[in-house]
Amino acid sequence: MNVDHHGRATKGLQPAGELTMKSSISILIVDDELMMRNLLENILSREGYKIHSAENGLKALEFLKTRKIDIIITDMKMPHMGGFKLLGIVKKEHPEIGMIIMTAYGDTYTVKDALLLGADEYVTKPFKSYEISLVVERAYWRILSASNQASREHI
């Protein structure tokens, strides 16, 4: 299913330019639940994104040492290193990476704290596939906009 710029579900093929744009975006999914990693990987790879995954924040940081990532989607509660700690480190060391947090439905304090720490977007579990696609697109466009603004300020 495709979604138009108003967030409405549409049918049909995506424009070729949109697929090309999405295929240049690398997303790292960080969640200790294999089923959730697989679900997100299936949804987002069908959308055309390059997907990678890690089972916790420590593994995600190791991954960032060797690969360029545009967006990280992270669960908040994981063993070894949770999403809050990962968010803080990534925003300090890699401020250009977009951060999307996933949290349990109704956990508004977690969402508020994560946004204050620099998360770009959030999604509550359980979610529908089109919701995660919209959140990723919003995060990407926000990052792109900030990057373009920073480029213009250096001119």
Protein backbone atom coordinates (compact mmCIF):
# COMPACT_ATOMS: atom_id res chain seq x y z
CA MET A 1 0.00 0.00 0.00
CA ASN A 2 1.21 3.47 -0.86
CA VAL A 3 0.42 6.64 1.02
CA ASP A 4 0.00 10.08 -0.54
CA HIS A 5 1.43 13.29 0.93
CA HIS A 6 -1.76 13.78 2.94
CA GLY A 7 -1.35 10.41 4.70
CA ARG A 8 -4.15 8.73 2.74
CA ALA A 9 -3.78 5.17 1.51
CA THR A 10 -3.45 4.88 -2.27
CA LYS A 11 -3.25 1.99 -4.71
CA GLY A 12 -0.83 1.45 -7.53
CA LEU A 13 2.89 1.72 -8.12
CA GLN A 14 5.14 4.28 -6.53
CA PRO A 15 6.70 6.86 -8.84
CA ALA A 16 10.15 5.78 -10.01
CA GLY A 17 11.81 8.82 -8.40
CA GLU A 18 10.33 7.94 -5.03
CA LEU A 19 11.72 4.40 -5.22
CA THR A 20 15.15 5.72 -6.16
CA MET A 21 15.08 8.17 -3.25
CA LYS A 22 14.03 5.50 -0.78
CA SER A 23 16.65 3.03 -1.98
CA SER A 24 19.35 5.51 -1.01
CA ILE A 25 18.12 5.65 2.61
CA SER A 26 19.66 3.25 5.13
CA ILE A 27 17.59 2.39 8.19
CA LEU A 28 18.83 0.55 11.28
CA ILE A 29 16.13 -1.26 13.25
CA VAL A 30 17.06 -1.80 16.90
CA ASP A 31 14.80 -4.13 18.89
CA ASP A 32 15.45 -7.13 21.12
CA GLU A 33 12.43 -8.96 19.68
CA LEU A 34 13.30 -10.83 16.50
CA MET A 35 9.67 -10.86 15.41
CA MET A 36 9.48 -7.04 15.58
CA ARG A 37 12.76 -6.64 13.69
CA ASN A 38 11.50 -9.00 10.98
CA LEU A 39 8.14 -7.22 10.75
CA LEU A 40 9.74 -3.80 10.36
CA GLU A 41 12.28 -5.15 7.90
CA ASN A 42 9.51 -6.63 5.74
CA ILE A 43 7.40 -3.45 5.80
CA LEU A 44 10.24 -1.04 5.07
CA SER A 45 12.13 -3.15 2.54
CA ARG A 46 8.89 -3.43 0.51
CA GLU A 47 8.84 0.37 0.57
CA GLY A 48 12.31 0.33 -1.00
CA TYR A 49 14.52 1.30 1.95
CA LYS A 50 17.87 -0.38 2.73
CA ILE A 51 17.33 -2.14 6.05
CA HIS A 52 19.77 -3.34 8.71
CA SER A 53 19.04 -4.57 12.21
CA ALA A 54 20.55 -4.92 15.67
CA GLU A 55 19.18 -6.60 18.80
CA ASN A 56 20.16 -3.86 21.26
CA GLY A 57 21.81 -0.47 21.62
CA LEU A 58 25.32 -1.87 22.04
CA LYS A 59 25.08 -3.80 18.77
CA ALA A 60 23.66 -0.70 17.08
CA LEU A 61 26.65 1.41 18.17
CA GLU A 62 29.03 -1.26 16.88
CA PHE A 63 27.17 -1.23 13.57
CA LEU A 64 27.49 2.57 13.31
CA LYS A 65 31.29 2.26 13.43
CA THR A 66 31.32 0.55 10.03
CA ARG A 67 28.20 1.75 8.20
CA LYS A 68 26.47 5.01 7.31
CA ILE A 69 22.90 5.07 8.59
CA ASP A 70 20.31 7.75 7.87
CA ILE A 71 17.58 6.73 10.33
CA ILE A 72 17.47 4.53 13.43
CA ILE A 73 14.20 3.03 14.63
CA THR A 74 14.68 1.86 18.19
CA ASP A 75 12.60 0.23 20.87
CA MET A 76 12.91 1.93 24.23
CA LYS A 77 13.13 -1.11 26.50
CA MET A 78 15.90 -3.58 25.65
CA PRO A 79 18.54 -5.47 27.59
CA HIS A 80 22.20 -4.32 27.63
CA MET A 81 21.40 -0.83 26.31
CA GLY A 82 17.94 0.60 25.92
CA GLY A 83 16.61 3.20 23.54
CA PHE A 84 17.10 6.22 25.85
CA LYS A 85 20.81 5.57 26.24
CA LEU A 86 21.17 4.85 22.51
CA LEU A 87 19.26 8.04 21.65
CA GLY A 88 21.56 10.14 23.84
CA ILE A 89 24.75 8.68 22.38
CA VAL A 90 23.60 8.87 18.77
CA LYS A 91 22.40 12.47 19.07
CA LYS A 92 25.76 13.42 20.60
CA GLU A 93 28.05 11.47 18.24
CA HIS A 94 25.93 11.36 15.05
CA PRO A 95 23.48 14.30 15.16
CA GLU A 96 22.72 13.88 11.46
CA ILE A 97 21.05 10.49 12.05
CA GLY A 98 17.29 10.61 12.43
CA MET A 99 15.93 8.81 15.49
CA ILE A 100 12.50 7.21 15.68
CA ILE A 101 11.48 5.65 18.95
CA MET A 102 8.98 2.85 19.44
CA THR A 103 7.14 2.53 22.69
CA ALA A 104 4.16 0.74 24.17
CA TYR A 105 0.75 2.27 23.60
CA GLY A 106 -0.13 4.92 26.14
CA ASP A 107 3.40 5.48 27.42
CA THR A 108 3.21 9.26 26.93
CA TYR A 109 5.90 10.10 29.49
CA THR A 110 8.41 7.99 27.59
CA VAL A 111 7.49 9.71 24.33
CA LYS A 112 7.77 13.18 25.84
CA ASP A 113 11.16 12.41 27.40
CA ALA A 114 12.48 10.93 24.17
CA LEU A 115 11.37 13.96 22.14
CA LEU A 116 13.06 16.25 24.66
CA LEU A 117 16.25 14.20 24.27
CA GLY A 118 16.19 14.72 20.51
CA ALA A 119 14.09 11.94 18.96
CA ASP A 120 12.75 13.05 15.58
CA GLU A 121 9.61 10.91 15.58
CA TYR A 122 7.87 8.21 17.56
CA VAL A 123 5.47 5.36 16.95
CA THR A 124 3.42 3.49 19.52
CA LYS A 125 3.08 -0.27 19.48
CA PRO A 126 1.05 -1.90 18.16
CA PHE A 127 1.09 0.03 14.88
CA LYS A 128 -0.17 -0.50 11.35
CA SER A 129 2.29 -0.86 8.48
CA TYR A 130 1.23 2.41 6.87
CA GLU A 131 1.85 4.23 10.18
CA ILE A 132 5.49 3.18 10.34
CA SER A 133 5.94 4.14 6.69
CA LEU A 134 4.55 7.62 7.35
CA VAL A 135 6.73 8.11 10.42
CA VAL A 136 9.86 7.11 8.49
CA GLU A 137 9.00 9.47 5.64
CA ARG A 138 8.36 12.35 8.04
CA ALA A 139 11.67 11.72 9.79
CA TYR A 140 13.52 11.57 6.48
CA TRP A 141 12.02 14.82 5.18
CA ARG A 142 12.73 16.57 8.47
CA ILE A 143 16.39 15.47 8.32
CA LEU A 144 16.67 16.47 4.66
CA SER A 145 15.15 19.87 5.38
CA ALA A 146 17.54 20.49 8.29
CA SER A 147 20.49 19.41 6.14
CA ASN A 148 19.49 21.76 3.31
CA GLN A 149 19.03 24.64 5.74
CA ALA A 150 22.48 24.01 7.24
CA SER A 151 23.99 23.98 3.72
CA ARG A 152 22.38 27.34 2.89
CA GLU A 153 23.67 28.89 6.12
CA HIS A 154 27.27 28.04 5.11
CA ILE A 155 26.96 29.84 1.76
